[in-house]
Amino acid sequence: MFLGSDTLTDVAVLLGGQGTVPTLGNIAAPWLVEADEAAVAGDWERSAAAQAKATALKRIYVPAGKESFFRGVFAGIKCALTLLGFQVGPTAPPMMTCDKEETRAIEMILREEGLLA
């Protein structure tokens, strides 16, 4: 069983799952791997702490999500990946890519969470 959630890596392990397929794994992989490994080891406190670090990044969905939640997720994650130096291309129409204001907001979040210097 795999769970497709950004915020429930530890819960997936608790319920017997073999892993997750989270959108945030694109930018928060180290924290989600730590959450999974700690949960497998039964270290729920460390797992929850790592999960909380990754979950805090869900804030990147907000700036681009004014029109719809799904635009926030897809445009937000693509914008974040671009800011982190990955060439992922624009969002597919009819979704619009992040504008300058949304990009600045996402950049600020990435800086606050320690992913950009």
PDB file of N, CA and C in Angstrom:
ATOM      1  N   MET A   1       0.845  -1.175   0.000  1.00  0.00           N
ATOM      2  CA  MET A   1       0.000   0.000   0.000  1.00  0.00           C
ATOM      3  C   MET A   1       0.892   1.241   0.000  1.00  0.00           C
ATOM      4  N   PHE A   2       0.562   2.177  -0.854  1.00  0.00           N
ATOM      5  CA  PHE A   2       1.223   3.477  -0.899  1.00  0.00           C
ATOM      6  C   PHE A   2       0.160   4.550  -0.679  1.00  0.00           C
ATOM      7  N   LEU A   3       0.531   5.561   0.065  1.00  0.00           N
ATOM      8  CA  LEU A   3      -0.384   6.658   0.359  1.00  0.00           C
ATOM      9  C   LEU A   3       0.079   7.883  -0.413  1.00  0.00           C
ATOM     10  N   GLY A   4      -0.833   8.562  -1.086  1.00  0.00           N
ATOM     11  CA  GLY A   4      -0.485   9.756  -1.853  1.00  0.00           C
ATOM     12  C   GLY A   4      -0.781  11.020  -1.076  1.00  0.00           C
ATOM     13  N   SER A   5      -0.093  11.214   0.012  1.00  0.00           N
ATOM     14  CA  SER A   5      -0.348  12.374   0.858  1.00  0.00           C
ATOM     15  C   SER A   5       0.960  13.024   1.283  1.00  0.00           C
ATOM     16  N   ASP A   6       0.934  14.353   1.350  1.00  0.00           N
ATOM     17  CA  ASP A   6       2.109  15.088   1.799  1.00  0.00           C
ATOM     18  C   ASP A   6       2.307  15.019   3.303  1.00  0.00           C
ATOM     19  N   THR A   7       1.276  14.767   4.035  1.00  0.00           N
ATOM     20  CA  THR A   7       1.325  14.981   5.484  1.00  0.00           C
ATOM     21  C   THR A   7       1.185  13.727   6.332  1.00  0.00           C
ATOM     22  N   LEU A   8       1.145  12.560   5.720  1.00  0.00           N
ATOM     23  CA  LEU A   8       0.837  11.360   6.496  1.00  0.00           C
ATOM     24  C   LEU A   8       1.847  10.228   6.322  1.00  0.00           C
ATOM     25  N   THR A   9       3.101  10.557   6.099  1.00  0.00           N
ATOM     26  CA  THR A   9       4.114   9.516   5.944  1.00  0.00           C
ATOM     27  C   THR A   9       4.169   8.622   7.174  1.00  0.00           C
ATOM     28  N   ASP A  10       4.207   9.223   8.346  1.00  0.00           N
ATOM     29  CA  ASP A  10       4.273   8.435   9.573  1.00  0.00           C
ATOM     30  C   ASP A  10       3.021   7.591   9.767  1.00  0.00           C
ATOM     31  N   VAL A  11       1.865   8.137   9.439  1.00  0.00           N
ATOM     32  CA  VAL A  11       0.603   7.401   9.576  1.00  0.00           C
ATOM     33  C   VAL A  11       0.561   6.227   8.599  1.00  0.00           C
ATOM     34  N   ALA A  12       1.075   6.428   7.388  1.00  0.00           N
ATOM     35  CA  ALA A  12       1.103   5.338   6.413  1.00  0.00           C
ATOM     36  C   ALA A  12       1.868   4.148   6.959  1.00  0.00           C
ATOM     37  N   VAL A  13       3.020   4.401   7.575  1.00  0.00           N
ATOM     38  CA  VAL A  13       3.820   3.317   8.158  1.00  0.00           C
ATOM     39  C   VAL A  13       3.058   2.671   9.305  1.00  0.00           C
ATOM     40  N   LEU A  14       2.456   3.485  10.152  1.00  0.00           N
ATOM     41  CA  LEU A  14       1.694   2.968  11.287  1.00  0.00           C
ATOM     42  C   LEU A  14       0.583   2.029  10.825  1.00  0.00           C
ATOM     43  N   LEU A  15      -0.021   2.351   9.667  1.00  0.00           N
ATOM     44  CA  LEU A  15      -1.118   1.537   9.142  1.00  0.00           C
ATOM     45  C   LEU A  15      -0.646   0.371   8.280  1.00  0.00           C
ATOM     46  N   GLY A  16       0.677   0.187   8.175  1.00  0.00           N
ATOM     47  CA  GLY A  16       1.203  -0.944   7.428  1.00  0.00           C
ATOM     48  C   GLY A  16       1.566  -0.637   5.990  1.00  0.00           C
ATOM     49  N   GLY A  17       1.563   0.613   5.610  1.00  0.00           N
ATOM     50  CA  GLY A  17       1.904   0.990   4.250  1.00  0.00           C
ATOM     51  C   GLY A  17       3.384   0.809   3.957  1.00  0.00           C
ATOM     52  N   GLN A  18       3.688   0.664   2.685  1.00  0.00           N
ATOM     53  CA  GLN A  18       5.074   0.500   2.265  1.00  0.00           C
ATOM     54  C   GLN A  18       5.717   1.813   1.864  1.00  0.00           C
ATOM     55  N   GLY A  19       4.933   2.871   1.710  1.00  0.00           N
ATOM     56  CA  GLY A  19       5.509   4.149   1.332  1.00  0.00           C
ATOM     57  C   GLY A  19       4.457   5.162   0.945  1.00  0.00           C
ATOM     58  N   THR A  20       4.941   6.319   0.517  1.00  0.00           N
ATOM     59  CA  THR A  20       4.058   7.387   0.083  1.00  0.00           C
ATOM     60  C   THR A  20       4.523   7.921  -1.270  1.00  0.00           C
ATOM     61  N   VAL A  21       3.635   8.621  -1.941  1.00  0.00           N
ATOM     62  CA  VAL A  21       3.932   9.282  -3.196  1.00  0.00           C
ATOM     63  C   VAL A  21       3.473  10.740  -3.045  1.00  0.00           C
ATOM     64  N   PRO A  22       4.205  11.508  -2.247  1.00  0.00           N
ATOM     65  CA  PRO A  22       3.768  12.871  -1.944  1.00  0.00           C
ATOM     66  C   PRO A  22       4.313  13.898  -2.936  1.00  0.00           C
ATOM     67  N   THR A  23       3.493  14.858  -3.275  1.00  0.00           N
ATOM     68  CA  THR A  23       3.936  15.947  -4.145  1.00  0.00           C
ATOM     69  C   THR A  23       5.131  16.657  -3.539  1.00  0.00           C
ATOM     70  N   LEU A  24       5.093  16.910  -2.242  1.00  0.00           N
ATOM     71  CA  LEU A  24       6.190  17.617  -1.589  1.00  0.00           C
ATOM     72  C   LEU A  24       7.501  16.829  -1.612  1.00  0.00           C
ATOM     73  N   GLY A  25       7.438  15.558  -1.950  1.00  0.00           N
ATOM     74  CA  GLY A  25       8.655  14.772  -2.065  1.00  0.00           C
ATOM     75  C   GLY A  25       9.612  15.344  -3.094  1.00  0.00           C
ATOM     76  N   ASN A  26       9.079  16.138  -4.015  1.00  0.00           N
ATOM     77  CA  ASN A  26       9.923  16.776  -5.018  1.00  0.00           C
ATOM     78  C   ASN A  26      10.873  17.805  -4.408  1.00  0.00           C
ATOM     79  N   ILE A  27      10.475  18.427  -3.297  1.00  0.00           N
ATOM     80  CA  ILE A  27      11.328  19.448  -2.689  1.00  0.00           C
ATOM     81  C   ILE A  27      11.696  19.136  -1.245  1.00  0.00           C
ATOM     82  N   ALA A  28      10.997  18.209  -0.629  1.00  0.00           N
ATOM     83  CA  ALA A  28      11.243  17.901   0.787  1.00  0.00           C
ATOM     84  C   ALA A  28      11.606  16.442   0.997  1.00  0.00           C
ATOM     85  N   ALA A  29      12.216  15.831  -0.001  1.00  0.00           N
ATOM     86  CA  ALA A  29      12.529  14.408   0.081  1.00  0.00           C
ATOM     87  C   ALA A  29      13.323  14.021   1.326  1.00  0.00           C
ATOM     88  N   PRO A  30      14.375  14.757   1.699  1.00  0.00           N
ATOM     89  CA  PRO A  30      15.139  14.326   2.881  1.00  0.00           C
ATOM     90  C   PRO A  30      14.285  14.237   4.150  1.00  0.00           C
ATOM     91  N   TRP A  31      13.387  15.189   4.325  1.00  0.00           N
ATOM     92  CA  TRP A  31      12.553  15.175   5.529  1.00  0.00           C
ATOM     93  C   TRP A  31      11.522  14.045   5.480  1.00  0.00           C
ATOM     94  N   LEU A  32      10.978  13.773   4.295  1.00  0.00           N
ATOM     95  CA  LEU A  32       9.999  12.693   4.184  1.00  0.00           C
ATOM     96  C   LEU A  32      10.658  11.324   4.310  1.00  0.00           C
ATOM     97  N   VAL A  33      11.872  11.189   3.798  1.00  0.00           N
ATOM     98  CA  VAL A  33      12.620   9.934   3.989  1.00  0.00           C
ATOM     99  C   VAL A  33      12.904   9.735   5.472  1.00  0.00           C
ATOM    100  N   GLU A  34      13.319  10.809   6.148  1.00  0.00           N
ATOM    101  CA  GLU A  34      13.571  10.709   7.584  1.00  0.00           C
ATOM    102  C   GLU A  34      12.304  10.331   8.339  1.00  0.00           C
ATOM    103  N   ALA A  35      11.179  10.928   7.969  1.00  0.00           N
ATOM    104  CA  ALA A  35       9.908  10.600   8.626  1.00  0.00           C
ATOM    105  C   ALA A  35       9.583   9.124   8.442  1.00  0.00           C
ATOM    106  N   ASP A  36       9.783   8.610   7.243  1.00  0.00           N
ATOM    107  CA  ASP A  36       9.508   7.205   6.962  1.00  0.00           C
ATOM    108  C   ASP A  36      10.460   6.287   7.726  1.00  0.00           C
ATOM    109  N   GLU A  37      11.743   6.569   7.657  1.00  0.00           N
ATOM    110  CA  GLU A  37      12.731   5.711   8.321  1.00  0.00           C
ATOM    111  C   GLU A  37      12.542   5.721   9.835  1.00  0.00           C
ATOM    112  N   ALA A  38      12.255   6.882  10.390  1.00  0.00           N
ATOM    113  CA  ALA A  38      12.026   6.957  11.838  1.00  0.00           C
ATOM    114  C   ALA A  38      10.765   6.200  12.224  1.00  0.00           C
ATOM    115  N   ALA A  39       9.713   6.300  11.409  1.00  0.00           N
ATOM    116  CA  ALA A  39       8.476   5.568  11.704  1.00  0.00           C
ATOM    117  C   ALA A  39       8.703   4.065  11.638  1.00  0.00           C
ATOM    118  N   VAL A  40       9.435   3.613  10.625  1.00  0.00           N
ATOM    119  CA  VAL A  40       9.742   2.179  10.506  1.00  0.00           C
ATOM    120  C   VAL A  40      10.510   1.706  11.735  1.00  0.00           C
ATOM    121  N   ALA A  41      11.392   2.561  12.258  1.00  0.00           N
ATOM    122  CA  ALA A  41      12.170   2.217  13.454  1.00  0.00           C
ATOM    123  C   ALA A  41      11.374   2.384  14.744  1.00  0.00           C
ATOM    124  N   GLY A  42      10.151   2.898  14.631  1.00  0.00           N
ATOM    125  CA  GLY A  42       9.319   3.100  15.818  1.00  0.00           C
ATOM    126  C   GLY A  42       9.623   4.376  16.575  1.00  0.00           C
ATOM    127  N   ASP A  43      10.423   5.246  16.003  1.00  0.00           N
ATOM    128  CA  ASP A  43      10.762   6.519  16.630  1.00  0.00           C
ATOM    129  C   ASP A  43       9.746   7.571  16.171  1.00  0.00           C
ATOM    130  N   TRP A  44       8.594   7.529  16.784  1.00  0.00           N
ATOM    131  CA  TRP A  44       7.472   8.365  16.358  1.00  0.00           C
ATOM    132  C   TRP A  44       7.732   9.848  16.597  1.00  0.00           C
ATOM    133  N   GLU A  45       8.486  10.174  17.612  1.00  0.00           N
ATOM    134  CA  GLU A  45       8.782  11.574  17.889  1.00  0.00           C
ATOM    135  C   GLU A  45       9.649  12.171  16.772  1.00  0.00           C
ATOM    136  N   ARG A  46      10.695  11.446  16.385  1.00  0.00           N
ATOM    137  CA  ARG A  46      11.561  11.920  15.295  1.00  0.00           C
ATOM    138  C   ARG A  46      10.799  11.930  13.974  1.00  0.00           C
ATOM    139  N   SER A  47       9.962  10.930  13.773  1.00  0.00           N
ATOM    140  CA  SER A  47       9.164  10.876  12.556  1.00  0.00           C
ATOM    141  C   SER A  47       8.224  12.077  12.470  1.00  0.00           C
ATOM    142  N   ALA A  48       7.551  12.370  13.565  1.00  0.00           N
ATOM    143  CA  ALA A  48       6.616  13.504  13.577  1.00  0.00           C
ATOM    144  C   ALA A  48       7.347  14.823  13.356  1.00  0.00           C
ATOM    145  N   ALA A  49       8.543  14.966  13.916  1.00  0.00           N
ATOM    146  CA  ALA A  49       9.316  16.196  13.740  1.00  0.00           C
ATOM    147  C   ALA A  49       9.722  16.379  12.270  1.00  0.00           C
ATOM    148  N   ALA A  50      10.182  15.311  11.637  1.00  0.00           N
ATOM    149  CA  ALA A  50      10.563  15.392  10.224  1.00  0.00           C
ATOM    150  C   ALA A  50       9.334  15.646   9.359  1.00  0.00           C
ATOM    151  N   GLN A  51       8.244  14.996   9.693  1.00  0.00           N
ATOM    152  CA  GLN A  51       6.994  15.199   8.958  1.00  0.00           C
ATOM    153  C   GLN A  51       6.537  16.645   9.074  1.00  0.00           C
ATOM    154  N   ALA A  52       6.687  17.230  10.251  1.00  0.00           N
ATOM    155  CA  ALA A  52       6.275  18.630  10.467  1.00  0.00           C
ATOM    156  C   ALA A  52       7.107  19.579   9.603  1.00  0.00           C
ATOM    157  N   LYS A  53       8.402  19.306   9.455  1.00  0.00           N
ATOM    158  CA  LYS A  53       9.257  20.143   8.593  1.00  0.00           C
ATOM    159  C   LYS A  53       8.754  20.103   7.152  1.00  0.00           C
ATOM    160  N   ALA A  54       8.455  18.909   6.672  1.00  0.00           N
ATOM    161  CA  ALA A  54       7.956  18.773   5.303  1.00  0.00           C
ATOM    162  C   ALA A  54       6.579  19.415   5.156  1.00  0.00           C
ATOM    163  N   THR A  55       5.721  19.195   6.116  1.00  0.00           N
ATOM    164  CA  THR A  55       4.365  19.728   6.055  1.00  0.00           C
ATOM    165  C   THR A  55       4.351  21.246   6.027  1.00  0.00           C
ATOM    166  N   ALA A  56       5.308  21.877   6.679  1.00  0.00           N
ATOM    167  CA  ALA A  56       5.386  23.340   6.671  1.00  0.00           C
ATOM    168  C   ALA A  56       5.547  23.878   5.247  1.00  0.00           C
ATOM    169  N   LEU A  57       6.093  23.085   4.358  1.00  0.00           N
ATOM    170  CA  LEU A  57       6.281  23.513   2.974  1.00  0.00           C
ATOM    171  C   LEU A  57       4.987  23.556   2.177  1.00  0.00           C
ATOM    172  N   LYS A  58       3.911  23.008   2.705  1.00  0.00           N
ATOM    173  CA  LYS A  58       2.622  23.102   2.006  1.00  0.00           C
ATOM    174  C   LYS A  58       2.214  24.550   1.801  1.00  0.00           C
ATOM    175  N   ARG A  59       2.862  25.450   2.513  1.00  0.00           N
ATOM    176  CA  ARG A  59       2.574  26.879   2.348  1.00  0.00           C
ATOM    177  C   ARG A  59       2.853  27.344   0.924  1.00  0.00           C
ATOM    178  N   ILE A  60       3.685  26.630   0.174  1.00  0.00           N
ATOM    179  CA  ILE A  60       3.971  27.046  -1.201  1.00  0.00           C
ATOM    180  C   ILE A  60       2.739  26.926  -2.092  1.00  0.00           C
ATOM    181  N   TYR A  61       1.737  26.184  -1.667  1.00  0.00           N
ATOM    182  CA  TYR A  61       0.524  26.024  -2.466  1.00  0.00           C
ATOM    183  C   TYR A  61      -0.399  27.245  -2.381  1.00  0.00           C
ATOM    184  N   VAL A  62      -0.239  28.049  -1.340  1.00  0.00           N
ATOM    185  CA  VAL A  62      -1.171  29.149  -1.079  1.00  0.00           C
ATOM    186  C   VAL A  62      -1.051  30.302  -2.080  1.00  0.00           C
ATOM    187  N   PRO A  63       0.144  30.819  -2.366  1.00  0.00           N
ATOM    188  CA  PRO A  63       0.218  31.988  -3.253  1.00  0.00           C
ATOM    189  C   PRO A  63      -0.446  31.777  -4.618  1.00  0.00           C
ATOM    190  N   ALA A  64      -0.287  30.606  -5.199  1.00  0.00           N
ATOM    191  CA  ALA A  64      -0.858  30.336  -6.520  1.00  0.00           C
ATOM    192  C   ALA A  64      -2.238  29.705  -6.442  1.00  0.00           C
ATOM    193  N   GLY A  65      -2.743  29.487  -5.237  1.00  0.00           N
ATOM    194  CA  GLY A  65      -4.001  28.771  -5.074  1.00  0.00           C
ATOM    195  C   GLY A  65      -5.229  29.640  -4.930  1.00  0.00           C
ATOM    196  N   LYS A  66      -5.121  30.917  -5.276  1.00  0.00           N
ATOM    197  CA  LYS A  66      -6.281  31.799  -5.147  1.00  0.00           C
ATOM    198  C   LYS A  66      -7.411  31.377  -6.079  1.00  0.00           C
ATOM    199  N   GLU A  67      -7.055  30.930  -7.276  1.00  0.00           N
ATOM    200  CA  GLU A  67      -8.063  30.527  -8.256  1.00  0.00           C
ATOM    201  C   GLU A  67      -8.623  29.140  -7.946  1.00  0.00           C
ATOM    202  N   SER A  68      -7.721  28.228  -7.595  1.00  0.00           N
ATOM    203  CA  SER A  68      -8.149  26.870  -7.256  1.00  0.00           C
ATOM    204  C   SER A  68      -7.036  26.170  -6.490  1.00  0.00           C
ATOM    205  N   PHE A  69      -7.433  25.226  -5.669  1.00  0.00           N
ATOM    206  CA  PHE A  69      -6.462  24.450  -4.898  1.00  0.00           C
ATOM    207  C   PHE A  69      -5.491  23.732  -5.837  1.00  0.00           C
ATOM    208  N   PHE A  70      -6.014  23.160  -6.915  1.00  0.00           N
ATOM    209  CA  PHE A  70      -5.165  22.383  -7.812  1.00  0.00           C
ATOM    210  C   PHE A  70      -4.130  23.259  -8.513  1.00  0.00           C
ATOM    211  N   ARG A  71      -4.494  24.480  -8.885  1.00  0.00           N
ATOM    212  CA  ARG A  71      -3.497  25.376  -9.462  1.00  0.00           C
ATOM    213  C   ARG A  71      -2.425  25.669  -8.426  1.00  0.00           C
ATOM    214  N   GLY A  72      -2.844  25.862  -7.178  1.00  0.00           N
ATOM    215  CA  GLY A  72      -1.885  26.120  -6.113  1.00  0.00           C
ATOM    216  C   GLY A  72      -0.861  25.014  -5.986  1.00  0.00           C
ATOM    217  N   VAL A  73      -1.320  23.777  -6.051  1.00  0.00           N
ATOM    218  CA  VAL A  73      -0.411  22.630  -5.931  1.00  0.00           C
ATOM    219  C   VAL A  73       0.513  22.547  -7.146  1.00  0.00           C
ATOM    220  N   PHE A  74      -0.059  22.498  -8.330  1.00  0.00           N
ATOM    221  CA  PHE A  74       0.757  22.266  -9.524  1.00  0.00           C
ATOM    222  C   PHE A  74       1.641  23.467  -9.862  1.00  0.00           C
ATOM    223  N   ALA A  75       1.076  24.660  -9.870  1.00  0.00           N
ATOM    224  CA  ALA A  75       1.885  25.841 -10.176  1.00  0.00           C
ATOM    225  C   ALA A  75       2.875  26.106  -9.049  1.00  0.00           C
ATOM    226  N   GLY A  76       2.442  25.891  -7.807  1.00  0.00           N
ATOM    227  CA  GLY A  76       3.317  26.125  -6.658  1.00  0.00           C
ATOM    228  C   GLY A  76       4.521  25.206  -6.648  1.00  0.00           C
ATOM    229  N   ILE A  77       4.316  23.920  -6.894  1.00  0.00           N
ATOM    230  CA  ILE A  77       5.434  22.980  -6.861  1.00  0.00           C
ATOM    231  C   ILE A  77       6.373  23.226  -8.047  1.00  0.00           C
ATOM    232  N   LYS A  78       5.819  23.535  -9.224  1.00  0.00           N
ATOM    233  CA  LYS A  78       6.681  23.818 -10.378  1.00  0.00           C
ATOM    234  C   LYS A  78       7.482  25.097 -10.159  1.00  0.00           C
ATOM    235  N   CYS A  79       6.867  26.103  -9.575  1.00  0.00           N
ATOM    236  CA  CYS A  79       7.576  27.348  -9.276  1.00  0.00           C
ATOM    237  C   CYS A  79       8.696  27.080  -8.274  1.00  0.00           C
ATOM    238  N   ALA A  80       8.398  26.328  -7.219  1.00  0.00           N
ATOM    239  CA  ALA A  80       9.408  26.011  -6.209  1.00  0.00           C
ATOM    240  C   ALA A  80      10.569  25.240  -6.822  1.00  0.00           C
ATOM    241  N   LEU A  81      10.272  24.267  -7.647  1.00  0.00           N
ATOM    242  CA  LEU A  81      11.329  23.487  -8.284  1.00  0.00           C
ATOM    243  C   LEU A  81      12.196  24.365  -9.186  1.00  0.00           C
ATOM    244  N   THR A  82      11.566  25.275  -9.914  1.00  0.00           N
ATOM    245  CA  THR A  82      12.322  26.195 -10.763  1.00  0.00           C
ATOM    246  C   THR A  82      13.242  27.073  -9.915  1.00  0.00           C
ATOM    247  N   LEU A  83      12.712  27.593  -8.804  1.00  0.00           N
ATOM    248  CA  LEU A  83      13.524  28.416  -7.915  1.00  0.00           C
ATOM    249  C   LEU A  83      14.697  27.632  -7.333  1.00  0.00           C
ATOM    250  N   LEU A  84      14.513  26.328  -7.157  1.00  0.00           N
ATOM    251  CA  LEU A  84      15.565  25.475  -6.616  1.00  0.00           C
ATOM    252  C   LEU A  84      16.560  25.020  -7.698  1.00  0.00           C
ATOM    253  N   GLY A  85      16.345  25.459  -8.938  1.00  0.00           N
ATOM    254  CA  GLY A  85      17.300  25.176 -10.001  1.00  0.00           C
ATOM    255  C   GLY A  85      16.956  24.018 -10.908  1.00  0.00           C
ATOM    256  N   PHE A  86      15.764  23.449 -10.783  1.00  0.00           N
ATOM    257  CA  PHE A  86      15.361  22.343 -11.646  1.00  0.00           C
ATOM    258  C   PHE A  86      14.605  22.887 -12.855  1.00  0.00           C
ATOM    259  N   GLN A  87      14.886  22.347 -14.015  1.00  0.00           N
ATOM    260  CA  GLN A  87      14.215  22.763 -15.238  1.00  0.00           C
ATOM    261  C   GLN A  87      12.986  21.886 -15.450  1.00  0.00           C
ATOM    262  N   VAL A  88      11.840  22.352 -14.949  1.00  0.00           N
ATOM    263  CA  VAL A  88      10.625  21.544 -15.008  1.00  0.00           C
ATOM    264  C   VAL A  88       9.613  22.054 -16.020  1.00  0.00           C
ATOM    265  N   GLY A  89       9.855  23.223 -16.581  1.00  0.00           N
ATOM    266  CA  GLY A  89       8.935  23.781 -17.566  1.00  0.00           C
ATOM    267  C   GLY A  89       7.699  24.374 -16.923  1.00  0.00           C
ATOM    268  N   PRO A  90       6.887  24.999 -17.736  1.00  0.00           N
ATOM    269  CA  PRO A  90       5.682  25.661 -17.220  1.00  0.00           C
ATOM    270  C   PRO A  90       4.575  24.661 -16.920  1.00  0.00           C
ATOM    271  N   THR A  91       3.578  25.114 -16.208  1.00  0.00           N
ATOM    272  CA  THR A  91       2.400  24.284 -15.986  1.00  0.00           C
ATOM    273  C   THR A  91       1.669  24.112 -17.316  1.00  0.00           C
ATOM    274  N   ALA A  92       0.952  23.029 -17.440  1.00  0.00           N
ATOM    275  CA  ALA A  92       0.221  22.749 -18.674  1.00  0.00           C
ATOM    276  C   ALA A  92      -1.070  23.572 -18.717  1.00  0.00           C
ATOM    277  N   PRO A  93      -1.395  24.120 -19.891  1.00  0.00           N
ATOM    278  CA  PRO A  93      -2.657  24.852 -20.030  1.00  0.00           C
ATOM    279  C   PRO A  93      -3.826  23.932 -19.682  1.00  0.00           C
ATOM    280  N   PRO A  94      -4.861  24.461 -19.125  1.00  0.00           N
ATOM    281  CA  PRO A  94      -5.174  25.879 -18.999  1.00  0.00           C
ATOM    282  C   PRO A  94      -4.617  26.526 -17.726  1.00  0.00           C
ATOM    283  N   MET A  95      -3.851  25.804 -16.928  1.00  0.00           N
ATOM    284  CA  MET A  95      -3.289  26.413 -15.720  1.00  0.00           C
ATOM    285  C   MET A  95      -2.203  27.402 -16.104  1.00  0.00           C
ATOM    286  N   MET A  96      -2.185  28.499 -15.397  1.00  0.00           N
ATOM    287  CA  MET A  96      -1.175  29.527 -15.622  1.00  0.00           C
ATOM    288  C   MET A  96      -0.005  29.289 -14.673  1.00  0.00           C
ATOM    289  N   THR A  97       1.190  29.632 -15.132  1.00  0.00           N
ATOM    290  CA  THR A  97       2.352  29.563 -14.256  1.00  0.00           C
ATOM    291  C   THR A  97       2.273  30.694 -13.239  1.00  0.00           C
ATOM    292  N   CYS A  98       3.090  30.639 -12.242  1.00  0.00           N
ATOM    293  CA  CYS A  98       3.084  31.667 -11.203  1.00  0.00           C
ATOM    294  C   CYS A  98       3.535  33.008 -11.775  1.00  0.00           C
ATOM    295  N   ASP A  99       2.854  34.055 -11.344  1.00  0.00           N
ATOM    296  CA  ASP A  99       3.277  35.391 -11.745  1.00  0.00           C
ATOM    297  C   ASP A  99       4.402  35.857 -10.814  1.00  0.00           C
ATOM    298  N   LYS A 100       4.886  37.073 -11.023  1.00  0.00           N
ATOM    299  CA  LYS A 100       6.024  37.568 -10.237  1.00  0.00           C
ATOM    300  C   LYS A 100       5.713  37.643  -8.749  1.00  0.00           C
ATOM    301  N   GLU A 101       4.525  38.086  -8.402  1.00  0.00           N
ATOM    302  CA  GLU A 101       4.146  38.196  -6.984  1.00  0.00           C
ATOM    303  C   GLU A 101       4.081  36.819  -6.325  1.00  0.00           C
ATOM    304  N   GLU A 102       3.471  35.856  -7.003  1.00  0.00           N
ATOM    305  CA  GLU A 102       3.383  34.496  -6.475  1.00  0.00           C
ATOM    306  C   GLU A 102       4.774  33.877  -6.357  1.00  0.00           C
ATOM    307  N   THR A 103       5.610  34.116  -7.353  1.00  0.00           N
ATOM    308  CA  THR A 103       6.975  33.592  -7.333  1.00  0.00           C
ATOM    309  C   THR A 103       7.756  34.162  -6.150  1.00  0.00           C
ATOM    310  N   ARG A 104       7.634  35.459  -5.915  1.00  0.00           N
ATOM    311  CA  ARG A 104       8.335  36.075  -4.773  1.00  0.00           C
ATOM    312  C   ARG A 104       7.844  35.468  -3.453  1.00  0.00           C
ATOM    313  N   ALA A 105       6.546  35.242  -3.345  1.00  0.00           N
ATOM    314  CA  ALA A 105       6.003  34.658  -2.116  1.00  0.00           C
ATOM    315  C   ALA A 105       6.536  33.248  -1.893  1.00  0.00           C
ATOM    316  N   ILE A 106       6.596  32.457  -2.946  1.00  0.00           N
ATOM    317  CA  ILE A 106       7.111  31.091  -2.831  1.00  0.00           C
ATOM    318  C   ILE A 106       8.604  31.112  -2.527  1.00  0.00           C
ATOM    319  N   GLU A 107       9.331  32.019  -3.145  1.00  0.00           N
ATOM    320  CA  GLU A 107      10.755  32.155  -2.859  1.00  0.00           C
ATOM    321  C   GLU A 107      10.972  32.481  -1.375  1.00  0.00           C
ATOM    322  N   MET A 108      10.161  33.362  -0.825  1.00  0.00           N
ATOM    323  CA  MET A 108      10.284  33.723   0.586  1.00  0.00           C
ATOM    324  C   MET A 108      10.021  32.507   1.484  1.00  0.00           C
ATOM    325  N   ILE A 109       9.044  31.706   1.137  1.00  0.00           N
ATOM    326  CA  ILE A 109       8.740  30.501   1.917  1.00  0.00           C
ATOM    327  C   ILE A 109       9.922  29.532   1.875  1.00  0.00           C
ATOM    328  N   LEU A 110      10.483  29.329   0.704  1.00  0.00           N
ATOM    329  CA  LEU A 110      11.631  28.427   0.577  1.00  0.00           C
ATOM    330  C   LEU A 110      12.816  28.929   1.397  1.00  0.00           C
ATOM    331  N   ARG A 111      13.012  30.234   1.435  1.00  0.00           N
ATOM    332  CA  ARG A 111      14.081  30.805   2.258  1.00  0.00           C
ATOM    333  C   ARG A 111      13.789  30.584   3.742  1.00  0.00           C
ATOM    334  N   GLU A 112      12.559  30.851   4.163  1.00  0.00           N
ATOM    335  CA  GLU A 112      12.187  30.685   5.563  1.00  0.00           C
ATOM    336  C   GLU A 112      12.355  29.239   6.026  1.00  0.00           C
ATOM    337  N   GLU A 113      12.116  28.302   5.133  1.00  0.00           N
ATOM    338  CA  GLU A 113      12.214  26.882   5.491  1.00  0.00           C
ATOM    339  C   GLU A 113      13.615  26.320   5.262  1.00  0.00           C
ATOM    340  N   GLY A 114      14.558  27.171   4.858  1.00  0.00           N
ATOM    341  CA  GLY A 114      15.943  26.754   4.740  1.00  0.00           C
ATOM    342  C   GLY A 114      16.322  26.049   3.452  1.00  0.00           C
ATOM    343  N   LEU A 115      15.488  26.150   2.435  1.00  0.00           N
ATOM    344  CA  LEU A 115      15.802  25.480   1.173  1.00  0.00           C
ATOM    345  C   LEU A 115      16.522  26.384   0.169  1.00  0.00           C
ATOM    346  N   LEU A 116      16.472  27.681   0.402  1.00  0.00           N
ATOM    347  CA  LEU A 116      17.198  28.645  -0.423  1.00  0.00           C
ATOM    348  C   LEU A 116      18.034  29.528   0.504  1.00  0.00           C
ATOM    349  N   ALA A 117      19.219  29.852   0.058  1.00  0.00           N
ATOM    350  CA  ALA A 117      20.084  30.727   0.864  1.00  0.00           C
ATOM    351  C   ALA A 117      19.736  32.178   0.660  1.00  0.00           C
TER     352      ALA A 117
END
